[in-house]
Amino acid sequence: MLWGSSVADPPERAEDNSPQAAAERTTECGAGAVDIRYDDLLQSYILTVRDAKVAQLRCIDGAVGYHDVELEPALQEEFDAIRSARYSADFPDPAVAWLSSRGLLEKVPKFQAGITDEADFARKLETVCGPAAKGALQSEYGPHVLNPEWVQKLLQPPRAEDEAAIPCLFAAAYVAGFALGFIGNETLPD
């Protein structure tokens, strides 16, 4: 996570974010048994919630934090909409606060879909976020995706002066209305 809390009432200790603790909290919502499995492709735990009811979905969302959740198909779409709405509501204030605290908010350009040149805009975002962000949005994946090679260079070895580049790019892109993502499980060639 880049900043902010992950659930309405975030767990106090790191071990409370384990999939086992999330499963326990989910059953406290009144849902049935919760199965936990690790997905090698996603490189994350998935909680499969059985016997959930529509009225329990908000509680389950708060209970699981950022763990992936599988529900019966009739409930999955509604759960995903609840989760998406929470993420959208939680994100703007921390993004604005993060940029403001660093004197960057007023420097973020505005993006207008269909009008603004995306590649040019991406370079402007990199400039706002400083020298460490140079090249972050320039790759074969296009300007809406962090360049996996740039991420690898940024993290090897990690340097204190570069640590703000990624959260800056995500905050600035969000505030600007510019969709930005990353390839989380890409394996780079040797």
N, C-alpha and C. Protein backbone atom coordinates (compact mmCIF):
# COMPACT_ATOMS: atom_id res chain seq x y z
N MET A 1 0.85 -1.18 0.00
CA MET A 1 0.00 0.00 0.00
C MET A 1 0.89 1.24 0.00
N LEU A 2 0.45 2.27 -0.65
CA LEU A 2 1.25 3.47 -0.77
C LEU A 2 1.07 4.40 0.42
N TRP A 3 -0.14 4.54 0.91
CA TRP A 3 -0.43 5.35 2.09
C TRP A 3 -1.85 5.06 2.52
N GLY A 4 -2.22 5.55 3.68
CA GLY A 4 -3.61 5.43 4.14
C GLY A 4 -3.89 4.07 4.75
N SER A 5 -5.12 3.90 5.21
CA SER A 5 -5.51 2.65 5.83
C SER A 5 -6.13 1.73 4.81
N SER A 6 -6.05 0.45 5.07
CA SER A 6 -6.58 -0.51 4.11
C SER A 6 -8.00 -0.93 4.42
N VAL A 7 -8.46 -0.76 5.64
CA VAL A 7 -9.83 -1.10 5.98
C VAL A 7 -10.39 -0.03 6.88
N ALA A 8 -11.70 0.00 7.03
CA ALA A 8 -12.34 1.02 7.85
C ALA A 8 -11.78 1.04 9.27
N ASP A 9 -11.58 -0.12 9.86
CA ASP A 9 -10.97 -0.23 11.18
C ASP A 9 -9.72 -1.09 11.04
N PRO A 10 -8.57 -0.49 10.67
CA PRO A 10 -7.39 -1.29 10.37
C PRO A 10 -6.89 -2.05 11.59
N PRO A 11 -6.39 -3.26 11.37
CA PRO A 11 -5.82 -4.03 12.47
C PRO A 11 -4.65 -3.27 13.11
N GLU A 12 -4.48 -3.46 14.40
CA GLU A 12 -3.45 -2.75 15.14
C GLU A 12 -2.05 -3.33 14.91
N ARG A 13 -1.95 -4.64 14.70
CA ARG A 13 -0.64 -5.28 14.57
C ARG A 13 -0.50 -5.91 13.20
N ALA A 14 0.73 -6.00 12.71
CA ALA A 14 0.98 -6.55 11.38
C ALA A 14 0.46 -7.97 11.26
N GLU A 15 0.59 -8.79 12.33
CA GLU A 15 0.11 -10.17 12.22
C GLU A 15 -1.40 -10.24 12.04
N ASP A 16 -2.10 -9.16 12.37
CA ASP A 16 -3.54 -9.11 12.17
C ASP A 16 -3.90 -9.01 10.70
N ASN A 17 -2.93 -8.76 9.84
CA ASN A 17 -3.17 -8.69 8.40
C ASN A 17 -2.94 -10.04 7.72
N SER A 18 -2.63 -11.06 8.49
CA SER A 18 -2.40 -12.38 7.90
C SER A 18 -3.70 -12.91 7.30
N PRO A 19 -3.61 -13.81 6.35
CA PRO A 19 -4.83 -14.38 5.78
C PRO A 19 -5.65 -15.14 6.84
N GLN A 20 -4.97 -15.74 7.80
CA GLN A 20 -5.67 -16.47 8.86
C GLN A 20 -6.51 -15.51 9.71
N ALA A 21 -5.93 -14.37 10.08
CA ALA A 21 -6.67 -13.38 10.88
C ALA A 21 -7.82 -12.80 10.07
N ALA A 22 -7.58 -12.55 8.78
CA ALA A 22 -8.64 -12.03 7.91
C ALA A 22 -9.78 -13.04 7.81
N ALA A 23 -9.44 -14.32 7.72
CA ALA A 23 -10.47 -15.36 7.66
C ALA A 23 -11.28 -15.40 8.95
N GLU A 24 -10.61 -15.27 10.09
CA GLU A 24 -11.31 -15.27 11.38
C GLU A 24 -12.26 -14.08 11.46
N ARG A 25 -11.78 -12.90 11.06
CA ARG A 25 -12.65 -11.71 11.09
C ARG A 25 -13.84 -11.89 10.16
N THR A 26 -13.62 -12.56 9.03
CA THR A 26 -14.70 -12.78 8.07
C THR A 26 -15.78 -13.66 8.66
N THR A 27 -15.39 -14.71 9.37
CA THR A 27 -16.41 -15.57 9.99
C THR A 27 -17.17 -14.81 11.07
N GLU A 28 -16.53 -13.81 11.70
CA GLU A 28 -17.22 -12.98 12.70
C GLU A 28 -18.30 -12.11 12.05
N CYS A 29 -18.23 -11.94 10.73
CA CYS A 29 -19.27 -11.20 10.00
C CYS A 29 -20.52 -12.05 9.81
N GLY A 30 -20.42 -13.33 10.16
CA GLY A 30 -21.55 -14.23 10.01
C GLY A 30 -21.48 -15.09 8.77
N ALA A 31 -20.41 -14.94 8.00
CA ALA A 31 -20.24 -15.76 6.81
C ALA A 31 -19.84 -17.17 7.23
N GLY A 32 -20.02 -18.11 6.32
CA GLY A 32 -19.63 -19.48 6.61
C GLY A 32 -18.12 -19.64 6.61
N ALA A 33 -17.68 -20.85 6.47
CA ALA A 33 -16.26 -21.17 6.50
C ALA A 33 -15.50 -20.40 5.42
N VAL A 34 -14.23 -20.14 5.71
CA VAL A 34 -13.36 -19.43 4.77
C VAL A 34 -12.16 -20.32 4.47
N ASP A 35 -11.96 -20.61 3.21
CA ASP A 35 -10.80 -21.39 2.79
C ASP A 35 -9.71 -20.43 2.34
N ILE A 36 -8.47 -20.75 2.67
CA ILE A 36 -7.32 -19.92 2.30
C ILE A 36 -6.43 -20.73 1.37
N ARG A 37 -6.08 -20.11 0.25
CA ARG A 37 -5.11 -20.77 -0.64
C ARG A 37 -4.16 -19.72 -1.19
N TYR A 38 -2.97 -20.17 -1.54
CA TYR A 38 -1.98 -19.28 -2.13
C TYR A 38 -1.99 -19.50 -3.63
N ASP A 39 -2.06 -18.41 -4.38
CA ASP A 39 -2.05 -18.47 -5.83
C ASP A 39 -0.66 -18.07 -6.31
N ASP A 40 0.06 -19.01 -6.91
CA ASP A 40 1.42 -18.74 -7.37
C ASP A 40 1.47 -17.66 -8.45
N LEU A 41 0.50 -17.67 -9.36
CA LEU A 41 0.49 -16.69 -10.43
C LEU A 41 0.30 -15.28 -9.88
N LEU A 42 -0.67 -15.11 -8.98
CA LEU A 42 -0.93 -13.79 -8.41
C LEU A 42 0.04 -13.44 -7.28
N GLN A 43 0.73 -14.45 -6.77
CA GLN A 43 1.65 -14.29 -5.65
C GLN A 43 0.94 -13.65 -4.46
N SER A 44 -0.24 -14.17 -4.16
CA SER A 44 -1.01 -13.66 -3.03
C SER A 44 -1.98 -14.73 -2.55
N TYR A 45 -2.48 -14.51 -1.34
CA TYR A 45 -3.48 -15.41 -0.77
C TYR A 45 -4.86 -15.03 -1.26
N ILE A 46 -5.68 -16.02 -1.44
CA ILE A 46 -7.07 -15.81 -1.84
C ILE A 46 -7.95 -16.45 -0.77
N LEU A 47 -8.91 -15.68 -0.30
CA LEU A 47 -9.86 -16.18 0.69
C LEU A 47 -11.16 -16.52 -0.03
N THR A 48 -11.55 -17.78 0.03
CA THR A 48 -12.82 -18.21 -0.56
C THR A 48 -13.83 -18.27 0.57
N VAL A 49 -14.84 -17.41 0.46
CA VAL A 49 -15.84 -17.28 1.52
C VAL A 49 -17.10 -18.05 1.09
N ARG A 50 -17.46 -19.02 1.94
CA ARG A 50 -18.67 -19.81 1.64
C ARG A 50 -19.85 -19.28 2.45
N ASP A 51 -21.00 -19.43 1.91
CA ASP A 51 -22.25 -19.11 2.61
C ASP A 51 -22.35 -17.66 3.06
N ALA A 52 -21.86 -16.75 2.24
CA ALA A 52 -22.00 -15.32 2.56
C ALA A 52 -23.36 -14.83 2.07
N LYS A 53 -23.84 -13.77 2.70
CA LYS A 53 -25.11 -13.14 2.32
C LYS A 53 -24.83 -11.71 1.89
N VAL A 54 -25.70 -11.14 1.10
CA VAL A 54 -25.54 -9.77 0.61
C VAL A 54 -25.33 -8.81 1.78
N ALA A 55 -26.07 -8.98 2.84
CA ALA A 55 -25.98 -8.07 3.99
C ALA A 55 -24.62 -8.13 4.68
N GLN A 56 -23.82 -9.16 4.41
CA GLN A 56 -22.51 -9.32 5.06
C GLN A 56 -21.35 -8.78 4.23
N LEU A 57 -21.61 -8.37 2.99
CA LEU A 57 -20.52 -8.04 2.08
C LEU A 57 -19.67 -6.87 2.57
N ARG A 58 -20.27 -5.82 3.12
CA ARG A 58 -19.48 -4.68 3.62
C ARG A 58 -18.61 -5.10 4.79
N CYS A 59 -19.16 -5.92 5.67
CA CYS A 59 -18.38 -6.42 6.80
C CYS A 59 -17.21 -7.27 6.30
N ILE A 60 -17.46 -8.13 5.32
CA ILE A 60 -16.40 -8.97 4.77
C ILE A 60 -15.32 -8.11 4.14
N ASP A 61 -15.72 -7.07 3.42
CA ASP A 61 -14.74 -6.17 2.81
C ASP A 61 -13.82 -5.56 3.87
N GLY A 62 -14.40 -5.12 4.97
CA GLY A 62 -13.59 -4.56 6.05
C GLY A 62 -12.74 -5.61 6.74
N ALA A 63 -13.24 -6.83 6.82
CA ALA A 63 -12.53 -7.89 7.54
C ALA A 63 -11.30 -8.39 6.79
N VAL A 64 -11.35 -8.41 5.46
CA VAL A 64 -10.27 -9.03 4.69
C VAL A 64 -9.14 -8.08 4.33
N GLY A 65 -9.32 -6.79 4.52
CA GLY A 65 -8.27 -5.85 4.13
C GLY A 65 -8.04 -5.91 2.63
N TYR A 66 -6.79 -6.12 2.22
CA TYR A 66 -6.47 -6.16 0.80
C TYR A 66 -6.35 -7.58 0.25
N HIS A 67 -6.68 -8.58 1.03
CA HIS A 67 -6.63 -9.95 0.52
C HIS A 67 -7.67 -10.13 -0.57
N ASP A 68 -7.32 -10.95 -1.56
CA ASP A 68 -8.26 -11.27 -2.63
C ASP A 68 -9.36 -12.16 -2.06
N VAL A 69 -10.58 -11.97 -2.56
CA VAL A 69 -11.73 -12.69 -2.05
C VAL A 69 -12.49 -13.32 -3.21
N GLU A 70 -12.87 -14.58 -3.02
CA GLU A 70 -13.74 -15.26 -3.97
C GLU A 70 -15.04 -15.57 -3.26
N LEU A 71 -16.14 -15.23 -3.92
CA LEU A 71 -17.48 -15.52 -3.42
C LEU A 71 -18.23 -16.24 -4.52
N GLU A 72 -19.42 -16.71 -4.19
CA GLU A 72 -20.23 -17.31 -5.25
C GLU A 72 -20.49 -16.23 -6.30
N PRO A 73 -20.60 -16.62 -7.57
CA PRO A 73 -20.74 -15.63 -8.65
C PRO A 73 -21.84 -14.60 -8.44
N ALA A 74 -22.94 -14.99 -7.85
CA ALA A 74 -24.04 -14.05 -7.64
C ALA A 74 -23.66 -12.90 -6.70
N LEU A 75 -22.69 -13.12 -5.83
CA LEU A 75 -22.27 -12.09 -4.87
C LEU A 75 -20.97 -11.39 -5.27
N GLN A 76 -20.16 -12.04 -6.10
CA GLN A 76 -18.84 -11.50 -6.42
C GLN A 76 -18.90 -10.10 -7.03
N GLU A 77 -19.79 -9.90 -7.98
CA GLU A 77 -19.87 -8.59 -8.65
C GLU A 77 -20.26 -7.49 -7.66
N GLU A 78 -21.20 -7.78 -6.79
CA GLU A 78 -21.61 -6.78 -5.80
C GLU A 78 -20.48 -6.50 -4.80
N PHE A 79 -19.78 -7.56 -4.38
CA PHE A 79 -18.64 -7.38 -3.48
C PHE A 79 -17.56 -6.52 -4.14
N ASP A 80 -17.24 -6.82 -5.39
CA ASP A 80 -16.22 -6.05 -6.11
C ASP A 80 -16.63 -4.59 -6.23
N ALA A 81 -17.91 -4.30 -6.42
CA ALA A 81 -18.38 -2.91 -6.50
C ALA A 81 -18.23 -2.21 -5.16
N ILE A 82 -18.52 -2.91 -4.07
CA ILE A 82 -18.35 -2.33 -2.73
C ILE A 82 -16.89 -2.01 -2.49
N ARG A 83 -16.02 -2.95 -2.83
CA ARG A 83 -14.58 -2.77 -2.63
C ARG A 83 -14.05 -1.62 -3.49
N SER A 84 -14.47 -1.56 -4.73
CA SER A 84 -14.03 -0.50 -5.63
C SER A 84 -14.47 0.87 -5.12
N ALA A 85 -15.70 0.96 -4.63
CA ALA A 85 -16.20 2.23 -4.10
C ALA A 85 -15.39 2.65 -2.87
N ARG A 86 -15.03 1.70 -2.02
CA ARG A 86 -14.23 2.03 -0.83
C ARG A 86 -12.85 2.52 -1.24
N TYR A 87 -12.23 1.81 -2.17
CA TYR A 87 -10.91 2.24 -2.62
C TYR A 87 -10.97 3.65 -3.20
N SER A 88 -11.99 3.90 -4.01
CA SER A 88 -12.13 5.22 -4.63
C SER A 88 -12.37 6.31 -3.59
N ALA A 89 -13.13 5.99 -2.55
CA ALA A 89 -13.40 6.98 -1.50
C ALA A 89 -12.19 7.21 -0.60
N ASP A 90 -11.42 6.15 -0.35
CA ASP A 90 -10.27 6.26 0.55
C ASP A 90 -9.07 6.94 -0.09
N PHE A 91 -8.97 6.87 -1.39
CA PHE A 91 -7.73 7.28 -2.06
C PHE A 91 -7.53 8.79 -2.24
N PRO A 92 -8.55 9.59 -2.61
CA PRO A 92 -8.27 11.00 -2.94
C PRO A 92 -7.65 11.80 -1.81
N ASP A 93 -8.19 11.74 -0.62
CA ASP A 93 -7.66 12.56 0.48
C ASP A 93 -6.20 12.26 0.78
N PRO A 94 -5.81 10.99 0.92
CA PRO A 94 -4.39 10.72 1.16
C PRO A 94 -3.50 11.17 0.00
N ALA A 95 -3.97 11.01 -1.24
CA ALA A 95 -3.17 11.42 -2.39
C ALA A 95 -2.93 12.93 -2.37
N VAL A 96 -3.99 13.68 -2.12
CA VAL A 96 -3.89 15.14 -2.06
C VAL A 96 -2.99 15.54 -0.89
N ALA A 97 -3.19 14.91 0.26
CA ALA A 97 -2.38 15.24 1.45
C ALA A 97 -0.91 14.92 1.21
N TRP A 98 -0.64 13.78 0.59
CA TRP A 98 0.74 13.37 0.32
C TRP A 98 1.43 14.40 -0.58
N LEU A 99 0.77 14.78 -1.66
CA LEU A 99 1.35 15.76 -2.58
C LEU A 99 1.48 17.13 -1.93
N SER A 100 0.46 17.55 -1.19
CA SER A 100 0.49 18.86 -0.52
C SER A 100 1.63 18.95 0.48
N SER A 101 1.84 17.89 1.23
CA SER A 101 2.88 17.92 2.26
C SER A 101 4.27 18.05 1.66
N ARG A 102 4.41 17.79 0.40
CA ARG A 102 5.70 17.88 -0.29
C ARG A 102 5.76 19.06 -1.26
N GLY A 103 4.72 19.90 -1.22
CA GLY A 103 4.69 21.07 -2.08
C GLY A 103 4.51 20.73 -3.55
N LEU A 104 3.91 19.59 -3.85
CA LEU A 104 3.78 19.15 -5.25
C LEU A 104 2.37 19.26 -5.82
N LEU A 105 1.38 19.46 -5.00
CA LEU A 105 0.00 19.42 -5.48
C LEU A 105 -0.24 20.43 -6.60
N GLU A 106 0.23 21.64 -6.43
CA GLU A 106 -0.01 22.68 -7.44
C GLU A 106 0.78 22.44 -8.73
N LYS A 107 1.76 21.56 -8.68
CA LYS A 107 2.58 21.27 -9.87
C LYS A 107 1.99 20.16 -10.74
N VAL A 108 0.99 19.46 -10.23
CA VAL A 108 0.42 18.34 -10.97
C VAL A 108 -0.43 18.88 -12.13
N PRO A 109 -0.08 18.51 -13.36
CA PRO A 109 -0.88 18.97 -14.50
C PRO A 109 -2.20 18.21 -14.55
N LYS A 110 -3.16 18.76 -15.23
CA LYS A 110 -4.46 18.10 -15.39
C LYS A 110 -4.48 17.32 -16.69
N PHE A 111 -5.04 16.14 -16.62
CA PHE A 111 -5.16 15.28 -17.79
C PHE A 111 -6.58 15.33 -18.32
N GLN A 112 -6.73 15.47 -19.64
CA GLN A 112 -8.04 15.45 -20.28
C GLN A 112 -8.02 14.33 -21.32
N ALA A 113 -8.74 13.26 -21.01
CA ALA A 113 -8.78 12.11 -21.92
C ALA A 113 -9.24 12.53 -23.30
N GLY A 114 -8.54 12.05 -24.31
CA GLY A 114 -8.88 12.36 -25.69
C GLY A 114 -8.35 13.69 -26.18
N ILE A 115 -7.82 14.51 -25.26
CA ILE A 115 -7.29 15.82 -25.63
C ILE A 115 -5.79 15.88 -25.35
N THR A 116 -5.41 15.50 -24.13
CA THR A 116 -4.01 15.57 -23.71
C THR A 116 -3.22 14.43 -24.34
N ASP A 117 -2.04 14.74 -24.86
CA ASP A 117 -1.14 13.71 -25.38
C ASP A 117 -0.63 12.89 -24.20
N GLU A 118 -0.92 11.60 -24.20
CA GLU A 118 -0.61 10.74 -23.06
C GLU A 118 0.88 10.61 -22.78
N ALA A 119 1.68 10.42 -23.81
CA ALA A 119 3.13 10.27 -23.62
C ALA A 119 3.74 11.56 -23.06
N ASP A 120 3.32 12.69 -23.58
CA ASP A 120 3.80 13.97 -23.09
C ASP A 120 3.37 14.18 -21.63
N PHE A 121 2.13 13.84 -21.34
CA PHE A 121 1.63 13.99 -19.98
C PHE A 121 2.42 13.11 -19.01
N ALA A 122 2.71 11.88 -19.42
CA ALA A 122 3.48 10.96 -18.58
C ALA A 122 4.85 11.56 -18.24
N ARG A 123 5.48 12.18 -19.22
CA ARG A 123 6.79 12.81 -18.96
C ARG A 123 6.65 13.97 -17.97
N LYS A 124 5.53 14.69 -18.05
CA LYS A 124 5.29 15.78 -17.10
C LYS A 124 5.11 15.24 -15.68
N LEU A 125 4.42 14.12 -15.55
CA LEU A 125 4.28 13.50 -14.22
C LEU A 125 5.64 13.09 -13.67
N GLU A 126 6.47 12.51 -14.52
CA GLU A 126 7.82 12.12 -14.09
C GLU A 126 8.59 13.34 -13.60
N THR A 127 8.46 14.45 -14.29
CA THR A 127 9.16 15.68 -13.91
C THR A 127 8.67 16.17 -12.55
N VAL A 128 7.35 16.14 -12.33
CA VAL A 128 6.79 16.56 -11.03
C VAL A 128 7.40 15.73 -9.91
N CYS A 129 7.59 14.45 -10.15
CA CYS A 129 8.06 13.53 -9.11
C CYS A 129 9.58 13.47 -8.98
N GLY A 130 10.29 14.23 -9.76
CA GLY A 130 11.72 14.37 -9.57
C GLY A 130 12.58 13.42 -10.39
N PRO A 131 13.90 13.58 -10.28
CA PRO A 131 14.83 12.81 -11.10
C PRO A 131 14.70 11.30 -10.97
N ALA A 132 14.34 10.82 -9.80
CA ALA A 132 14.20 9.37 -9.62
C ALA A 132 13.07 8.79 -10.46
N ALA A 133 12.10 9.62 -10.85
CA ALA A 133 10.95 9.15 -11.62
C ALA A 133 11.19 9.14 -13.12
N LYS A 134 12.32 9.66 -13.57
CA LYS A 134 12.60 9.73 -15.01
C LYS A 134 12.59 8.33 -15.63
N GLY A 135 11.78 8.18 -16.68
CA GLY A 135 11.67 6.91 -17.40
C GLY A 135 10.64 5.95 -16.82
N ALA A 136 9.99 6.31 -15.73
CA ALA A 136 9.05 5.42 -15.07
C ALA A 136 7.86 5.06 -15.94
N LEU A 137 7.44 5.97 -16.79
CA LEU A 137 6.22 5.76 -17.59
C LEU A 137 6.53 5.62 -19.07
N GLN A 138 7.74 5.16 -19.36
CA GLN A 138 8.17 5.02 -20.74
C GLN A 138 8.65 3.59 -20.96
N SER A 139 7.78 2.78 -21.57
CA SER A 139 8.15 1.40 -21.86
C SER A 139 7.24 0.86 -22.95
N GLU A 140 7.45 -0.37 -23.31
CA GLU A 140 6.62 -1.02 -24.31
C GLU A 140 5.17 -1.15 -23.85
N TYR A 141 4.92 -0.98 -22.56
CA TYR A 141 3.57 -1.12 -22.02
C TYR A 141 2.76 0.17 -22.10
N GLY A 142 3.38 1.25 -22.52
CA GLY A 142 2.69 2.51 -22.67
C GLY A 142 2.77 3.39 -21.43
N PRO A 143 2.28 4.62 -21.54
CA PRO A 143 2.45 5.60 -20.47
C PRO A 143 1.56 5.39 -19.25
N HIS A 144 0.64 4.42 -19.30
CA HIS A 144 -0.25 4.18 -18.16
C HIS A 144 0.25 3.06 -17.25
N VAL A 145 1.46 2.57 -17.50
CA VAL A 145 2.01 1.45 -16.73
C VAL A 145 3.43 1.77 -16.31
N LEU A 146 3.74 1.53 -15.02
CA LEU A 146 5.11 1.70 -14.58
C LEU A 146 6.01 0.75 -15.35
N ASN A 147 7.10 1.26 -15.85
CA ASN A 147 8.08 0.47 -16.59
C ASN A 147 8.72 -0.54 -15.63
N PRO A 148 8.52 -1.86 -15.85
CA PRO A 148 9.08 -2.86 -14.94
C PRO A 148 10.60 -2.77 -14.80
N GLU A 149 11.29 -2.42 -15.88
CA GLU A 149 12.75 -2.27 -15.80
C GLU A 149 13.13 -1.08 -14.92
N TRP A 150 12.36 0.01 -15.02
CA TRP A 150 12.61 1.18 -14.17
C TRP A 150 12.41 0.80 -12.70
N VAL A 151 11.34 0.06 -12.40
CA VAL A 151 11.07 -0.37 -11.03
C VAL A 151 12.24 -1.21 -10.52
N GLN A 152 12.71 -2.13 -11.33
CA GLN A 152 13.82 -3.00 -10.93
C GLN A 152 15.07 -2.17 -10.62
N LYS A 153 15.38 -1.20 -11.46
CA LYS A 153 16.55 -0.34 -11.22
C LYS A 153 16.36 0.49 -9.96
N LEU A 154 15.15 0.99 -9.77
CA LEU A 154 14.86 1.83 -8.62
C LEU A 154 15.06 1.07 -7.31
N LEU A 155 14.74 -0.21 -7.33
CA LEU A 155 14.79 -1.00 -6.09
C LEU A 155 16.11 -1.72 -5.87
N GLN A 156 17.02 -1.69 -6.82
CA GLN A 156 18.27 -2.45 -6.70
C GLN A 156 19.49 -1.56 -6.79
N PRO A 157 20.19 -1.25 -5.78
CA PRO A 157 19.76 -1.34 -4.38
C PRO A 157 18.86 -0.14 -4.06
N PRO A 158 17.97 -0.29 -3.10
CA PRO A 158 17.09 0.84 -2.76
C PRO A 158 17.88 2.00 -2.18
N ARG A 159 17.52 3.21 -2.60
CA ARG A 159 18.18 4.41 -2.07
C ARG A 159 17.11 5.30 -1.45
N ALA A 160 17.43 5.89 -0.32
CA ALA A 160 16.47 6.73 0.41
C ALA A 160 15.94 7.86 -0.47
N GLU A 161 16.78 8.46 -1.30
CA GLU A 161 16.35 9.59 -2.12
C GLU A 161 15.39 9.20 -3.24
N ASP A 162 15.26 7.89 -3.51
CA ASP A 162 14.37 7.42 -4.57
C ASP A 162 13.04 6.88 -4.04
N GLU A 163 12.92 6.73 -2.72
CA GLU A 163 11.77 6.01 -2.17
C GLU A 163 10.42 6.69 -2.42
N ALA A 164 10.41 7.97 -2.69
CA ALA A 164 9.14 8.67 -2.90
C ALA A 164 8.66 8.63 -4.36
N ALA A 165 9.47 8.14 -5.27
CA ALA A 165 9.11 8.19 -6.69
C ALA A 165 7.82 7.44 -7.00
N ILE A 166 7.67 6.23 -6.51
CA ILE A 166 6.48 5.44 -6.83
C ILE A 166 5.23 6.04 -6.20
N PRO A 167 5.22 6.33 -4.88
CA PRO A 167 4.00 6.92 -4.34
C PRO A 167 3.68 8.28 -4.97
N CYS A 168 4.69 9.03 -5.35
CA CYS A 168 4.46 10.31 -6.00
C CYS A 168 3.75 10.12 -7.33
N LEU A 169 4.24 9.18 -8.12
CA LEU A 169 3.64 8.94 -9.43
C LEU A 169 2.18 8.51 -9.30
N PHE A 170 1.90 7.61 -8.36
CA PHE A 170 0.51 7.16 -8.19
C PHE A 170 -0.37 8.28 -7.66
N ALA A 171 0.11 9.05 -6.71
CA ALA A 171 -0.69 10.15 -6.17
C ALA A 171 -0.95 11.21 -7.25
N ALA A 172 0.10 11.59 -7.96
CA ALA A 172 -0.05 12.62 -9.00
C ALA A 172 -0.97 12.14 -10.12
N ALA A 173 -0.82 10.89 -10.53
CA ALA A 173 -1.67 10.35 -11.58
C ALA A 173 -3.13 10.33 -11.13
N TYR A 174 -3.35 9.95 -9.90
CA TYR A 174 -4.72 9.90 -9.39
C TYR A 174 -5.36 11.28 -9.36
N VAL A 175 -4.63 12.23 -8.80
CA VAL A 175 -5.13 13.61 -8.71
C VAL A 175 -5.39 14.19 -10.10
N ALA A 176 -4.54 13.83 -11.04
CA ALA A 176 -4.67 14.35 -12.40
C ALA A 176 -5.77 13.66 -13.21
N GLY A 177 -6.24 12.52 -12.74
CA GLY A 177 -7.24 11.77 -13.50
C GLY A 177 -6.62 10.92 -14.60
N PHE A 178 -5.39 10.49 -14.39
CA PHE A 178 -4.63 9.72 -15.36
C PHE A 178 -4.48 8.30 -14.83
N ALA A 179 -5.13 7.33 -15.46
CA ALA A 179 -5.07 5.94 -14.98
C ALA A 179 -3.63 5.45 -15.01
N LEU A 180 -3.21 4.83 -13.92
CA LEU A 180 -1.84 4.34 -13.82
C LEU A 180 -1.84 3.00 -13.12
N GLY A 181 -1.09 2.06 -13.64
CA GLY A 181 -0.99 0.73 -13.04
C GLY A 181 0.42 0.22 -13.11
N PHE A 182 0.59 -1.02 -12.69
CA PHE A 182 1.90 -1.64 -12.74
C PHE A 182 1.74 -3.12 -13.01
N ILE A 183 2.79 -3.74 -13.46
CA ILE A 183 2.81 -5.17 -13.71
C ILE A 183 3.46 -5.77 -12.47
N GLY A 184 2.64 -6.36 -11.63
CA GLY A 184 3.11 -6.79 -10.33
C GLY A 184 3.88 -8.08 -10.29
N ASN A 185 3.71 -8.94 -11.27
CA ASN A 185 4.33 -10.25 -11.20
C ASN A 185 5.24 -10.55 -12.38
N GLU A 186 5.66 -9.52 -13.07
CA GLU A 186 6.52 -9.72 -14.23
C GLU A 186 7.88 -10.23 -13.77
N THR A 187 8.40 -11.23 -14.44
CA THR A 187 9.74 -11.69 -14.19
C THR A 187 10.63 -11.11 -15.27
N LEU A 188 11.60 -10.34 -14.84
CA LEU A 188 12.49 -9.70 -15.80
C LEU A 188 13.58 -10.68 -16.24
N PRO A 189 14.01 -10.59 -17.48
CA PRO A 189 15.08 -11.48 -17.95
C PRO A 189 16.38 -11.18 -17.21
N ASP A 190 17.23 -12.18 -17.12
CA ASP A 190 18.54 -11.99 -16.46
C ASP A 190 19.41 -11.02 -17.21
